[in-house]
Amino acid sequence: DTRQAEIGDKIHFAVMAIEASAKEMSISPMEMRRRLEKVGLVLVIFYDTRTCSMLHDSKYGLHLMSDDYILNDLLRELGDRQ
């Protein structure tokens, strides 16, 4: 089912983003998740980004890039919004 595949992709990305962010900050993924919950940050912010759109559109090839590459794109995009 396509809908289930999309949900699976979103969950996979959320987990990957938490793990990559934790690695970047030299903390455990559980600690990163705890910090995100503490400040009320909802990961659905990602779904409103250009990076998300590009990740889910195979013509951009972003799905072929490393987790770190995607995370850096996302962090840059979110930084540009501020």
PDB file of N, CA and C in Angstrom:
ATOM      1  N   ASP A   1       0.842  -1.182   0.000  1.00  0.00           N
ATOM      2  CA  ASP A   1       0.000   0.000   0.000  1.00  0.00           C
ATOM      3  C   ASP A   1       0.891   1.251   0.000  1.00  0.00           C
ATOM      4  N   THR A   2       0.614   2.187  -0.893  1.00  0.00           N
ATOM      5  CA  THR A   2       1.421   3.394  -1.048  1.00  0.00           C
ATOM      6  C   THR A   2       1.421   4.257   0.201  1.00  0.00           C
ATOM      7  N   ARG A   3       0.266   4.391   0.827  1.00  0.00           N
ATOM      8  CA  ARG A   3       0.157   5.214   2.047  1.00  0.00           C
ATOM      9  C   ARG A   3       1.043   4.668   3.153  1.00  0.00           C
ATOM     10  N   GLN A   4       1.051   3.361   3.337  1.00  0.00           N
ATOM     11  CA  GLN A   4       1.894   2.755   4.367  1.00  0.00           C
ATOM     12  C   GLN A   4       3.368   2.959   4.043  1.00  0.00           C
ATOM     13  N   ALA A   5       3.725   2.895   2.785  1.00  0.00           N
ATOM     14  CA  ALA A   5       5.114   3.119   2.382  1.00  0.00           C
ATOM     15  C   ALA A   5       5.533   4.553   2.686  1.00  0.00           C
ATOM     16  N   GLU A   6       4.650   5.512   2.434  1.00  0.00           N
ATOM     17  CA  GLU A   6       4.945   6.915   2.732  1.00  0.00           C
ATOM     18  C   GLU A   6       5.135   7.122   4.229  1.00  0.00           C
ATOM     19  N   ILE A   7       4.276   6.534   5.019  1.00  0.00           N
ATOM     20  CA  ILE A   7       4.401   6.644   6.478  1.00  0.00           C
ATOM     21  C   ILE A   7       5.714   6.018   6.933  1.00  0.00           C
ATOM     22  N   GLY A   8       6.043   4.855   6.377  1.00  0.00           N
ATOM     23  CA  GLY A   8       7.310   4.203   6.708  1.00  0.00           C
ATOM     24  C   GLY A   8       8.502   5.068   6.358  1.00  0.00           C
ATOM     25  N   ASP A   9       8.455   5.727   5.201  1.00  0.00           N
ATOM     26  CA  ASP A   9       9.538   6.625   4.795  1.00  0.00           C
ATOM     27  C   ASP A   9       9.676   7.789   5.772  1.00  0.00           C
ATOM     28  N   LYS A  10       8.562   8.350   6.211  1.00  0.00           N
ATOM     29  CA  LYS A  10       8.597   9.476   7.146  1.00  0.00           C
ATOM     30  C   LYS A  10       9.153   9.054   8.498  1.00  0.00           C
ATOM     31  N   ILE A  11       8.756   7.891   8.960  1.00  0.00           N
ATOM     32  CA  ILE A  11       9.278   7.397  10.236  1.00  0.00           C
ATOM     33  C   ILE A  11      10.774   7.137  10.112  1.00  0.00           C
ATOM     34  N   HIS A  12      11.171   6.523   9.005  1.00  0.00           N
ATOM     35  CA  HIS A  12      12.593   6.260   8.787  1.00  0.00           C
ATOM     36  C   HIS A  12      13.379   7.567   8.808  1.00  0.00           C
ATOM     37  N   PHE A  13      12.883   8.596   8.135  1.00  0.00           N
ATOM     38  CA  PHE A  13      13.603   9.863   8.116  1.00  0.00           C
ATOM     39  C   PHE A  13      13.687  10.469   9.510  1.00  0.00           C
ATOM     40  N   ALA A  14      12.594  10.417  10.273  1.00  0.00           N
ATOM     41  CA  ALA A  14      12.600  10.984  11.624  1.00  0.00           C
ATOM     42  C   ALA A  14      13.654  10.297  12.477  1.00  0.00           C
ATOM     43  N   VAL A  15      13.713   8.990  12.407  1.00  0.00           N
ATOM     44  CA  VAL A  15      14.714   8.242  13.172  1.00  0.00           C
ATOM     45  C   VAL A  15      16.116   8.617  12.713  1.00  0.00           C
ATOM     46  N   MET A  16      16.315   8.674  11.398  1.00  0.00           N
ATOM     47  CA  MET A  16      17.619   9.044  10.847  1.00  0.00           C
ATOM     48  C   MET A  16      18.033  10.445  11.287  1.00  0.00           C
ATOM     49  N   ALA A  17      17.092  11.375  11.286  1.00  0.00           N
ATOM     50  CA  ALA A  17      17.404  12.754  11.678  1.00  0.00           C
ATOM     51  C   ALA A  17      17.795  12.828  13.148  1.00  0.00           C
ATOM     52  N   ILE A  18      17.088  12.105  13.992  1.00  0.00           N
ATOM     53  CA  ILE A  18      17.432  12.087  15.418  1.00  0.00           C
ATOM     54  C   ILE A  18      18.816  11.480  15.613  1.00  0.00           C
ATOM     55  N   GLU A  19      19.088  10.361  14.952  1.00  0.00           N
ATOM     56  CA  GLU A  19      20.382   9.705  15.103  1.00  0.00           C
ATOM     57  C   GLU A  19      21.525  10.573  14.588  1.00  0.00           C
ATOM     58  N   ALA A  20      21.349  11.186  13.423  1.00  0.00           N
ATOM     59  CA  ALA A  20      22.404  12.026  12.850  1.00  0.00           C
ATOM     60  C   ALA A  20      22.628  13.278  13.690  1.00  0.00           C
ATOM     61  N   SER A  21      21.560  13.872  14.195  1.00  0.00           N
ATOM     62  CA  SER A  21      21.693  15.055  15.056  1.00  0.00           C
ATOM     63  C   SER A  21      22.396  14.700  16.350  1.00  0.00           C
ATOM     64  N   ALA A  22      22.033  13.555  16.922  1.00  0.00           N
ATOM     65  CA  ALA A  22      22.675  13.101  18.159  1.00  0.00           C
ATOM     66  C   ALA A  22      24.164  12.884  17.933  1.00  0.00           C
ATOM     67  N   LYS A  23      24.504  12.264  16.820  1.00  0.00           N
ATOM     68  CA  LYS A  23      25.912  12.022  16.498  1.00  0.00           C
ATOM     69  C   LYS A  23      26.661  13.347  16.382  1.00  0.00           C
ATOM     70  N   GLU A  24      26.054  14.303  15.692  1.00  0.00           N
ATOM     71  CA  GLU A  24      26.667  15.627  15.509  1.00  0.00           C
ATOM     72  C   GLU A  24      26.919  16.315  16.852  1.00  0.00           C
ATOM     73  N   MET A  25      26.021  16.095  17.805  1.00  0.00           N
ATOM     74  CA  MET A  25      26.139  16.730  19.124  1.00  0.00           C
ATOM     75  C   MET A  25      26.843  15.844  20.152  1.00  0.00           C
ATOM     76  N   SER A  26      27.292  14.669  19.716  1.00  0.00           N
ATOM     77  CA  SER A  26      27.984  13.713  20.596  1.00  0.00           C
ATOM     78  C   SER A  26      27.142  13.312  21.809  1.00  0.00           C
ATOM     79  N   ILE A  27      25.867  13.060  21.553  1.00  0.00           N
ATOM     80  CA  ILE A  27      24.973  12.560  22.592  1.00  0.00           C
ATOM     81  C   ILE A  27      24.246  11.333  22.043  1.00  0.00           C
ATOM     82  N   SER A  28      23.577  10.609  22.926  1.00  0.00           N
ATOM     83  CA  SER A  28      22.857   9.420  22.469  1.00  0.00           C
ATOM     84  C   SER A  28      21.560   9.825  21.759  1.00  0.00           C
ATOM     85  N   PRO A  29      21.071   8.976  20.859  1.00  0.00           N
ATOM     86  CA  PRO A  29      19.783   9.259  20.219  1.00  0.00           C
ATOM     87  C   PRO A  29      18.652   9.407  21.236  1.00  0.00           C
ATOM     88  N   MET A  30      18.681   8.631  22.312  1.00  0.00           N
ATOM     89  CA  MET A  30      17.645   8.756  23.348  1.00  0.00           C
ATOM     90  C   MET A  30      17.695  10.132  24.005  1.00  0.00           C
ATOM     91  N   GLU A  31      18.914  10.629  24.244  1.00  0.00           N
ATOM     92  CA  GLU A  31      19.062  11.966  24.835  1.00  0.00           C
ATOM     93  C   GLU A  31      18.555  13.032  23.858  1.00  0.00           C
ATOM     94  N   MET A  32      18.847  12.868  22.584  1.00  0.00           N
ATOM     95  CA  MET A  32      18.368  13.824  21.580  1.00  0.00           C
ATOM     96  C   MET A  32      16.844  13.842  21.568  1.00  0.00           C
ATOM     97  N   ARG A  33      16.233  12.668  21.562  1.00  0.00           N
ATOM     98  CA  ARG A  33      14.772  12.581  21.576  1.00  0.00           C
ATOM     99  C   ARG A  33      14.199  13.241  22.819  1.00  0.00           C
ATOM    100  N   ARG A  34      14.834  13.011  23.965  1.00  0.00           N
ATOM    101  CA  ARG A  34      14.383  13.619  25.216  1.00  0.00           C
ATOM    102  C   ARG A  34      14.451  15.148  25.118  1.00  0.00           C
ATOM    103  N   ARG A  35      15.540  15.655  24.561  1.00  0.00           N
ATOM    104  CA  ARG A  35      15.698  17.110  24.421  1.00  0.00           C
ATOM    105  C   ARG A  35      14.646  17.697  23.479  1.00  0.00           C
ATOM    106  N   LEU A  36      14.381  16.989  22.384  1.00  0.00           N
ATOM    107  CA  LEU A  36      13.371  17.469  21.441  1.00  0.00           C
ATOM    108  C   LEU A  36      11.998  17.517  22.095  1.00  0.00           C
ATOM    109  N   GLU A  37      11.679  16.484  22.866  1.00  0.00           N
ATOM    110  CA  GLU A  37      10.392  16.467  23.566  1.00  0.00           C
ATOM    111  C   GLU A  37      10.325  17.568  24.619  1.00  0.00           C
ATOM    112  N   LYS A  38      11.437  17.801  25.310  1.00  0.00           N
ATOM    113  CA  LYS A  38      11.482  18.797  26.379  1.00  0.00           C
ATOM    114  C   LYS A  38      11.157  20.201  25.865  1.00  0.00           C
ATOM    115  N   VAL A  39      11.659  20.524  24.693  1.00  0.00           N
ATOM    116  CA  VAL A  39      11.410  21.862  24.137  1.00  0.00           C
ATOM    117  C   VAL A  39      10.162  21.899  23.266  1.00  0.00           C
ATOM    118  N   GLY A  40       9.478  20.766  23.162  1.00  0.00           N
ATOM    119  CA  GLY A  40       8.232  20.731  22.400  1.00  0.00           C
ATOM    120  C   GLY A  40       8.423  20.762  20.895  1.00  0.00           C
ATOM    121  N   LEU A  41       9.622  20.425  20.438  1.00  0.00           N
ATOM    122  CA  LEU A  41       9.878  20.420  19.005  1.00  0.00           C
ATOM    123  C   LEU A  41       9.207  19.212  18.371  1.00  0.00           C
ATOM    124  N   VAL A  42       8.389  19.454  17.407  1.00  0.00           N
ATOM    125  CA  VAL A  42       7.680  18.390  16.715  1.00  0.00           C
ATOM    126  C   VAL A  42       8.381  18.153  15.386  1.00  0.00           C
ATOM    127  N   LEU A  43       8.686  16.898  15.102  1.00  0.00           N
ATOM    128  CA  LEU A  43       9.421  16.586  13.880  1.00  0.00           C
ATOM    129  C   LEU A  43       8.639  16.840  12.604  1.00  0.00           C
ATOM    130  N   VAL A  44       7.350  17.100  12.724  1.00  0.00           N
ATOM    131  CA  VAL A  44       6.579  17.375  11.504  1.00  0.00           C
ATOM    132  C   VAL A  44       7.013  18.672  10.839  1.00  0.00           C
ATOM    133  N   ILE A  45       7.809  19.469  11.528  1.00  0.00           N
ATOM    134  CA  ILE A  45       8.375  20.673  10.904  1.00  0.00           C
ATOM    135  C   ILE A  45       9.083  20.271   9.609  1.00  0.00           C
ATOM    136  N   PHE A  46       9.719  19.118   9.634  1.00  0.00           N
ATOM    137  CA  PHE A  46      10.449  18.623   8.476  1.00  0.00           C
ATOM    138  C   PHE A  46       9.561  18.522   7.243  1.00  0.00           C
ATOM    139  N   TYR A  47       8.320  18.136   7.430  1.00  0.00           N
ATOM    140  CA  TYR A  47       7.451  17.883   6.295  1.00  0.00           C
ATOM    141  C   TYR A  47       7.052  19.152   5.553  1.00  0.00           C
ATOM    142  N   ASP A  48       7.344  20.316   6.120  1.00  0.00           N
ATOM    143  CA  ASP A  48       7.068  21.588   5.454  1.00  0.00           C
ATOM    144  C   ASP A  48       8.307  22.161   4.768  1.00  0.00           C
ATOM    145  N   THR A  49       9.338  21.354   4.623  1.00  0.00           N
ATOM    146  CA  THR A  49      10.581  21.867   4.055  1.00  0.00           C
ATOM    147  C   THR A  49      10.756  21.468   2.594  1.00  0.00           C
ATOM    148  N   ARG A  50      11.575  22.240   1.918  1.00  0.00           N
ATOM    149  CA  ARG A  50      11.971  21.936   0.546  1.00  0.00           C
ATOM    150  C   ARG A  50      12.763  20.635   0.529  1.00  0.00           C
ATOM    151  N   THR A  51      13.577  20.419   1.565  1.00  0.00           N
ATOM    152  CA  THR A  51      14.371  19.199   1.654  1.00  0.00           C
ATOM    153  C   THR A  51      13.481  17.967   1.646  1.00  0.00           C
ATOM    154  N   CYS A  52      12.388  17.999   2.375  1.00  0.00           N
ATOM    155  CA  CYS A  52      11.450  16.874   2.405  1.00  0.00           C
ATOM    156  C   CYS A  52      10.867  16.641   1.019  1.00  0.00           C
ATOM    157  N   SER A  53      10.438  17.707   0.386  1.00  0.00           N
ATOM    158  CA  SER A  53       9.868  17.575  -0.965  1.00  0.00           C
ATOM    159  C   SER A  53      10.870  16.958  -1.920  1.00  0.00           C
ATOM    160  N   MET A  54      12.114  17.417  -1.844  1.00  0.00           N
ATOM    161  CA  MET A  54      13.149  16.899  -2.731  1.00  0.00           C
ATOM    162  C   MET A  54      13.482  15.441  -2.403  1.00  0.00           C
ATOM    163  N   LEU A  55      13.457  15.090  -1.128  1.00  0.00           N
ATOM    164  CA  LEU A  55      13.764  13.725  -0.716  1.00  0.00           C
ATOM    165  C   LEU A  55      12.737  12.743  -1.263  1.00  0.00           C
ATOM    166  N   HIS A  56      11.496  13.178  -1.355  1.00  0.00           N
ATOM    167  CA  HIS A  56      10.421  12.304  -1.817  1.00  0.00           C
ATOM    168  C   HIS A  56      10.165  12.403  -3.323  1.00  0.00           C
ATOM    169  N   ASP A  57      11.000  13.165  -4.040  1.00  0.00           N
ATOM    170  CA  ASP A  57      10.880  13.274  -5.492  1.00  0.00           C
ATOM    171  C   ASP A  57      12.167  12.735  -6.113  1.00  0.00           C
ATOM    172  N   SER A  58      12.087  11.572  -6.699  1.00  0.00           N
ATOM    173  CA  SER A  58      13.289  10.881  -7.185  1.00  0.00           C
ATOM    174  C   SER A  58      14.060  11.654  -8.249  1.00  0.00           C
ATOM    175  N   LYS A  59      13.442  12.636  -8.888  1.00  0.00           N
ATOM    176  CA  LYS A  59      14.171  13.373  -9.933  1.00  0.00           C
ATOM    177  C   LYS A  59      15.329  14.189  -9.365  1.00  0.00           C
ATOM    178  N   TYR A  60      15.298  14.500  -8.052  1.00  0.00           N
ATOM    179  CA  TYR A  60      16.383  15.257  -7.430  1.00  0.00           C
ATOM    180  C   TYR A  60      17.525  14.368  -6.963  1.00  0.00           C
ATOM    181  N   GLY A  61      17.273  13.078  -6.778  1.00  0.00           N
ATOM    182  CA  GLY A  61      18.319  12.154  -6.354  1.00  0.00           C
ATOM    183  C   GLY A  61      18.758  12.300  -4.909  1.00  0.00           C
ATOM    184  N   LEU A  62      18.028  13.086  -4.132  1.00  0.00           N
ATOM    185  CA  LEU A  62      18.419  13.303  -2.737  1.00  0.00           C
ATOM    186  C   LEU A  62      18.351  12.005  -1.932  1.00  0.00           C
ATOM    187  N   HIS A  63      17.455  11.118  -2.328  1.00  0.00           N
ATOM    188  CA  HIS A  63      17.327   9.838  -1.635  1.00  0.00           C
ATOM    189  C   HIS A  63      18.579   8.970  -1.798  1.00  0.00           C
ATOM    190  N   LEU A  64      19.456   9.335  -2.701  1.00  0.00           N
ATOM    191  CA  LEU A  64      20.697   8.599  -2.911  1.00  0.00           C
ATOM    192  C   LEU A  64      21.846   9.145  -2.069  1.00  0.00           C
ATOM    193  N   MET A  65      21.619  10.265  -1.414  1.00  0.00           N
ATOM    194  CA  MET A  65      22.668  10.914  -0.629  1.00  0.00           C
ATOM    195  C   MET A  65      22.744  10.323   0.778  1.00  0.00           C
ATOM    196  N   SER A  66      23.839  10.598   1.442  1.00  0.00           N
ATOM    197  CA  SER A  66      24.035  10.090   2.803  1.00  0.00           C
ATOM    198  C   SER A  66      23.121  10.814   3.788  1.00  0.00           C
ATOM    199  N   ASP A  67      22.927  10.183   4.931  1.00  0.00           N
ATOM    200  CA  ASP A  67      22.127  10.800   5.988  1.00  0.00           C
ATOM    201  C   ASP A  67      22.704  12.154   6.387  1.00  0.00           C
ATOM    202  N   ASP A  68      24.037  12.231   6.507  1.00  0.00           N
ATOM    203  CA  ASP A  68      24.677  13.488   6.895  1.00  0.00           C
ATOM    204  C   ASP A  68      24.441  14.582   5.859  1.00  0.00           C
ATOM    205  N   TYR A  69      24.498  14.235   4.593  1.00  0.00           N
ATOM    206  CA  TYR A  69      24.256  15.204   3.521  1.00  0.00           C
ATOM    207  C   TYR A  69      22.838  15.767   3.628  1.00  0.00           C
ATOM    208  N   ILE A  70      21.864  14.877   3.801  1.00  0.00           N
ATOM    209  CA  ILE A  70      20.464  15.302   3.902  1.00  0.00           C
ATOM    210  C   ILE A  70      20.258  16.153   5.144  1.00  0.00           C
ATOM    211  N   LEU A  71      20.833  15.721   6.261  1.00  0.00           N
ATOM    212  CA  LEU A  71      20.696  16.489   7.503  1.00  0.00           C
ATOM    213  C   LEU A  71      21.295  17.876   7.348  1.00  0.00           C
ATOM    214  N   ASN A  72      22.461  17.978   6.725  1.00  0.00           N
ATOM    215  CA  ASN A  72      23.082  19.290   6.527  1.00  0.00           C
ATOM    216  C   ASN A  72      22.218  20.186   5.647  1.00  0.00           C
ATOM    217  N   ASP A  73      21.621  19.626   4.603  1.00  0.00           N
ATOM    218  CA  ASP A  73      20.698  20.399   3.769  1.00  0.00           C
ATOM    219  C   ASP A  73      19.522  20.909   4.602  1.00  0.00           C
ATOM    220  N   LEU A  74      18.955  20.019   5.409  1.00  0.00           N
ATOM    221  CA  LEU A  74      17.812  20.388   6.239  1.00  0.00           C
ATOM    222  C   LEU A  74      18.191  21.471   7.244  1.00  0.00           C
ATOM    223  N   LEU A  75      19.315  21.316   7.921  1.00  0.00           N
ATOM    224  CA  LEU A  75      19.742  22.312   8.907  1.00  0.00           C
ATOM    225  C   LEU A  75      20.011  23.661   8.246  1.00  0.00           C
ATOM    226  N   ARG A  76      20.611  23.641   7.065  1.00  0.00           N
ATOM    227  CA  ARG A  76      20.865  24.884   6.328  1.00  0.00           C
ATOM    228  C   ARG A  76      19.543  25.563   5.968  1.00  0.00           C
ATOM    229  N   GLU A  77      18.593  24.762   5.470  1.00  0.00           N
ATOM    230  CA  GLU A  77      17.300  25.328   5.097  1.00  0.00           C
ATOM    231  C   GLU A  77      16.575  25.921   6.311  1.00  0.00           C
ATOM    232  N   LEU A  78      16.565  25.194   7.416  1.00  0.00           N
ATOM    233  CA  LEU A  78      15.904  25.713   8.606  1.00  0.00           C
ATOM    234  C   LEU A  78      16.610  26.948   9.153  1.00  0.00           C
ATOM    235  N   GLY A  79      17.937  26.981   9.042  1.00  0.00           N
ATOM    236  CA  GLY A  79      18.701  28.161   9.457  1.00  0.00           C
ATOM    237  C   GLY A  79      18.388  29.371   8.610  1.00  0.00           C
ATOM    238  N   ASP A  80      18.161  29.161   7.324  1.00  0.00           N
ATOM    239  CA  ASP A  80      17.833  30.256   6.417  1.00  0.00           C
ATOM    240  C   ASP A  80      16.466  30.867   6.725  1.00  0.00           C
ATOM    241  N   ARG A  81      15.603  30.091   7.362  1.00  0.00           N
ATOM    242  CA  ARG A  81      14.258  30.594   7.701  1.00  0.00           C
ATOM    243  C   ARG A  81      14.295  31.604   8.848  1.00  0.00           C
ATOM    244  N   GLN A  82      15.357  31.550   9.621  1.00  0.00           N
ATOM    245  CA  GLN A  82      15.413  32.424  10.822  1.00  0.00           C
ATOM    246  C   GLN A  82      15.883  33.803  10.497  1.00  0.00           C
TER     247      GLN A  82
END
